[in-house]
Amino acid sequence: MKKSLTLYPLASLSSTDNTGARTRKHQHRKKMERNGVSPSEQVIRNLLSYSSALSVLTTRDTGFVHLVMN
C-alpha cells in the first residue's frame, strides 16, 4: 500500500493560485527599477565568461552533460 505525507505548511506552496508571490515579485522588480539597481560591470563580465566556458552535450546513455571549460 502506497503511503504519502503532505506537510500542511508546504501544501500551500503547491497551490496553483500564486498571485500573491507573483505580485510581490512584480513589486520588488518595480522598486529595483525605480532605484536604478543593476548588476555591476564585474558581475556581467563574470556571467559572460561563464557562458562562454559552458558546454552542454547530449549523450544517448546519460542525457545532458554540463562541462565548464577552463
N, C-alpha and C. Protein backbone atom coordinates (compact mmCIF):
# COMPACT_ATOMS: atom_id res chain seq x y z
N MET A 1 0.83 -1.17 0.00
CA MET A 1 0.00 0.00 0.00
C MET A 1 0.89 1.25 0.00
N LYS A 2 0.61 2.17 -0.89
CA LYS A 2 1.39 3.39 -1.02
C LYS A 2 0.96 4.38 0.05
N LYS A 3 1.94 4.92 0.76
CA LYS A 3 1.66 5.92 1.78
C LYS A 3 2.36 7.22 1.38
N SER A 4 1.70 8.30 1.58
CA SER A 4 2.31 9.60 1.29
C SER A 4 2.01 10.55 2.43
N LEU A 5 2.85 11.56 2.55
CA LEU A 5 2.72 12.54 3.62
C LEU A 5 2.80 13.92 3.01
N THR A 6 1.88 14.77 3.34
CA THR A 6 1.92 16.16 2.91
C THR A 6 1.96 17.03 4.15
N LEU A 7 3.04 17.77 4.30
CA LEU A 7 3.13 18.67 5.43
C LEU A 7 2.26 19.88 5.14
N TYR A 8 1.42 20.24 6.06
CA TYR A 8 0.48 21.33 5.83
C TYR A 8 1.15 22.67 5.50
N PRO A 9 2.26 23.03 6.15
CA PRO A 9 2.90 24.30 5.75
C PRO A 9 3.39 24.28 4.30
N LEU A 10 3.76 23.12 3.80
CA LEU A 10 4.24 23.02 2.43
C LEU A 10 3.10 22.87 1.43
N ALA A 11 1.93 22.49 1.88
CA ALA A 11 0.81 22.29 0.96
C ALA A 11 0.41 23.60 0.30
N SER A 12 0.57 24.71 0.99
CA SER A 12 0.19 25.99 0.39
C SER A 12 1.12 26.37 -0.76
N LEU A 13 2.35 25.85 -0.75
CA LEU A 13 3.29 26.17 -1.82
C LEU A 13 2.91 25.47 -3.12
N SER A 14 2.20 24.37 -3.04
CA SER A 14 1.83 23.64 -4.25
C SER A 14 0.53 24.15 -4.85
N SER A 15 -0.04 25.16 -4.24
CA SER A 15 -1.29 25.72 -4.75
C SER A 15 -1.09 26.34 -6.11
N THR A 16 -2.08 26.23 -6.97
CA THR A 16 -1.98 26.81 -8.30
C THR A 16 -2.23 28.32 -8.26
N ASP A 17 -2.77 28.81 -7.17
CA ASP A 17 -3.03 30.25 -7.04
C ASP A 17 -1.84 30.92 -6.37
N ASN A 18 -0.90 31.39 -7.16
CA ASN A 18 0.29 32.02 -6.60
C ASN A 18 0.34 33.49 -6.96
N THR A 19 -0.81 34.14 -6.99
CA THR A 19 -0.87 35.55 -7.35
C THR A 19 -0.17 36.42 -6.32
N GLY A 20 -0.17 36.03 -5.05
CA GLY A 20 0.50 36.80 -4.01
C GLY A 20 2.00 36.85 -4.24
N ALA A 21 2.59 35.70 -4.54
CA ALA A 21 4.03 35.65 -4.82
C ALA A 21 4.36 36.41 -6.09
N ARG A 22 3.51 36.29 -7.07
CA ARG A 22 3.72 36.99 -8.34
C ARG A 22 3.65 38.51 -8.13
N THR A 23 2.72 38.96 -7.29
CA THR A 23 2.57 40.38 -7.01
C THR A 23 3.79 40.91 -6.26
N ARG A 24 4.28 40.15 -5.27
CA ARG A 24 5.46 40.57 -4.52
C ARG A 24 6.68 40.64 -5.43
N LYS A 25 6.82 39.70 -6.33
CA LYS A 25 7.94 39.71 -7.27
C LYS A 25 7.86 40.93 -8.18
N HIS A 26 6.65 41.23 -8.65
CA HIS A 26 6.45 42.39 -9.51
C HIS A 26 6.78 43.68 -8.76
N GLN A 27 6.35 43.79 -7.50
CA GLN A 27 6.61 44.98 -6.70
C GLN A 27 8.11 45.14 -6.46
N HIS A 28 8.81 44.02 -6.21
CA HIS A 28 10.25 44.06 -5.99
C HIS A 28 10.97 44.53 -7.26
N ARG A 29 10.54 44.03 -8.41
CA ARG A 29 11.15 44.42 -9.68
C ARG A 29 10.94 45.91 -9.94
N LYS A 30 9.73 46.42 -9.67
CA LYS A 30 9.44 47.84 -9.87
C LYS A 30 10.29 48.70 -8.94
N LYS A 31 10.47 48.26 -7.69
CA LYS A 31 11.28 49.00 -6.73
C LYS A 31 12.73 49.07 -7.20
N MET A 32 13.25 47.96 -7.73
CA MET A 32 14.63 47.95 -8.23
C MET A 32 14.78 48.88 -9.43
N GLU A 33 13.79 48.90 -10.32
CA GLU A 33 13.84 49.79 -11.47
C GLU A 33 13.78 51.25 -11.03
N ARG A 34 12.97 51.53 -10.04
CA ARG A 34 12.81 52.89 -9.55
C ARG A 34 14.10 53.40 -8.89
N ASN A 35 14.81 52.51 -8.19
CA ASN A 35 16.04 52.89 -7.51
C ASN A 35 17.26 52.83 -8.42
N GLY A 36 17.10 52.36 -9.63
CA GLY A 36 18.23 52.27 -10.55
C GLY A 36 19.20 51.16 -10.20
N VAL A 37 18.73 50.08 -9.59
CA VAL A 37 19.59 48.98 -9.21
C VAL A 37 19.86 48.11 -10.42
N SER A 38 21.13 47.83 -10.66
CA SER A 38 21.51 46.96 -11.76
C SER A 38 22.79 46.24 -11.38
N PRO A 39 23.10 45.14 -12.05
CA PRO A 39 24.33 44.41 -11.71
C PRO A 39 25.56 45.23 -12.11
N SER A 40 26.62 45.01 -11.38
CA SER A 40 27.85 45.74 -11.68
C SER A 40 28.48 45.20 -12.96
N GLU A 41 29.42 45.95 -13.48
CA GLU A 41 30.10 45.54 -14.71
C GLU A 41 30.86 44.24 -14.49
N GLN A 42 31.44 44.06 -13.30
CA GLN A 42 32.18 42.83 -12.99
C GLN A 42 31.26 41.61 -12.99
N VAL A 43 30.06 41.75 -12.46
CA VAL A 43 29.10 40.65 -12.44
C VAL A 43 28.71 40.27 -13.87
N ILE A 44 28.46 41.25 -14.69
CA ILE A 44 28.10 40.98 -16.09
C ILE A 44 29.26 40.29 -16.80
N ARG A 45 30.49 40.77 -16.56
CA ARG A 45 31.67 40.16 -17.18
C ARG A 45 31.83 38.71 -16.73
N ASN A 46 31.60 38.43 -15.44
CA ASN A 46 31.70 37.07 -14.93
C ASN A 46 30.65 36.16 -15.57
N LEU A 47 29.43 36.65 -15.72
CA LEU A 47 28.38 35.85 -16.35
C LEU A 47 28.70 35.54 -17.81
N LEU A 48 29.22 36.52 -18.53
CA LEU A 48 29.59 36.29 -19.92
C LEU A 48 30.76 35.32 -20.04
N SER A 49 31.71 35.40 -19.13
CA SER A 49 32.83 34.45 -19.13
C SER A 49 32.35 33.04 -18.84
N TYR A 50 31.45 32.90 -17.89
CA TYR A 50 30.90 31.59 -17.56
C TYR A 50 30.13 31.02 -18.75
N SER A 51 29.33 31.84 -19.40
CA SER A 51 28.52 31.34 -20.50
C SER A 51 29.40 30.94 -21.69
N SER A 52 30.52 31.61 -21.88
CA SER A 52 31.40 31.22 -22.98
C SER A 52 32.17 29.95 -22.65
N ALA A 53 32.39 29.65 -21.35
CA ALA A 53 33.11 28.45 -20.95
C ALA A 53 32.20 27.24 -20.80
N LEU A 54 30.90 27.45 -20.75
CA LEU A 54 29.96 26.36 -20.52
C LEU A 54 29.67 25.62 -21.82
N SER A 55 29.70 24.31 -21.75
CA SER A 55 29.35 23.48 -22.89
C SER A 55 28.40 22.40 -22.41
N VAL A 56 27.29 22.23 -23.09
CA VAL A 56 26.31 21.22 -22.72
C VAL A 56 26.22 20.21 -23.86
N LEU A 57 26.47 18.96 -23.53
CA LEU A 57 26.42 17.88 -24.52
C LEU A 57 25.26 16.96 -24.20
N THR A 58 24.67 16.40 -25.21
CA THR A 58 23.61 15.42 -25.02
C THR A 58 24.12 14.08 -25.48
N THR A 59 24.09 13.10 -24.59
CA THR A 59 24.53 11.76 -24.94
C THR A 59 23.35 10.82 -24.87
N ARG A 60 23.46 9.74 -25.60
CA ARG A 60 22.37 8.78 -25.65
C ARG A 60 22.20 8.05 -24.32
N ASP A 61 23.31 7.74 -23.66
CA ASP A 61 23.25 6.94 -22.44
C ASP A 61 22.96 7.76 -21.18
N THR A 62 23.60 8.91 -21.05
CA THR A 62 23.45 9.67 -19.80
C THR A 62 22.58 10.91 -19.91
N GLY A 63 22.22 11.33 -21.10
CA GLY A 63 21.42 12.54 -21.25
C GLY A 63 22.29 13.76 -21.37
N PHE A 64 21.98 14.79 -20.60
CA PHE A 64 22.72 16.05 -20.68
C PHE A 64 23.98 15.99 -19.81
N VAL A 65 25.09 16.46 -20.38
CA VAL A 65 26.35 16.56 -19.65
C VAL A 65 26.79 18.02 -19.71
N HIS A 66 26.96 18.64 -18.57
CA HIS A 66 27.36 20.04 -18.48
C HIS A 66 28.86 20.11 -18.18
N LEU A 67 29.61 20.78 -19.03
CA LEU A 67 31.04 20.93 -18.86
C LEU A 67 31.40 22.39 -18.78
N VAL A 68 32.27 22.74 -17.83
CA VAL A 68 32.79 24.09 -17.75
C VAL A 68 34.26 24.00 -18.12
N MET A 69 34.59 24.59 -19.26
CA MET A 69 35.96 24.54 -19.78
C MET A 69 36.75 25.70 -19.19
N ASN A 70 37.90 25.42 -18.63
CA ASN A 70 38.76 26.48 -18.08
C ASN A 70 39.94 26.69 -18.97
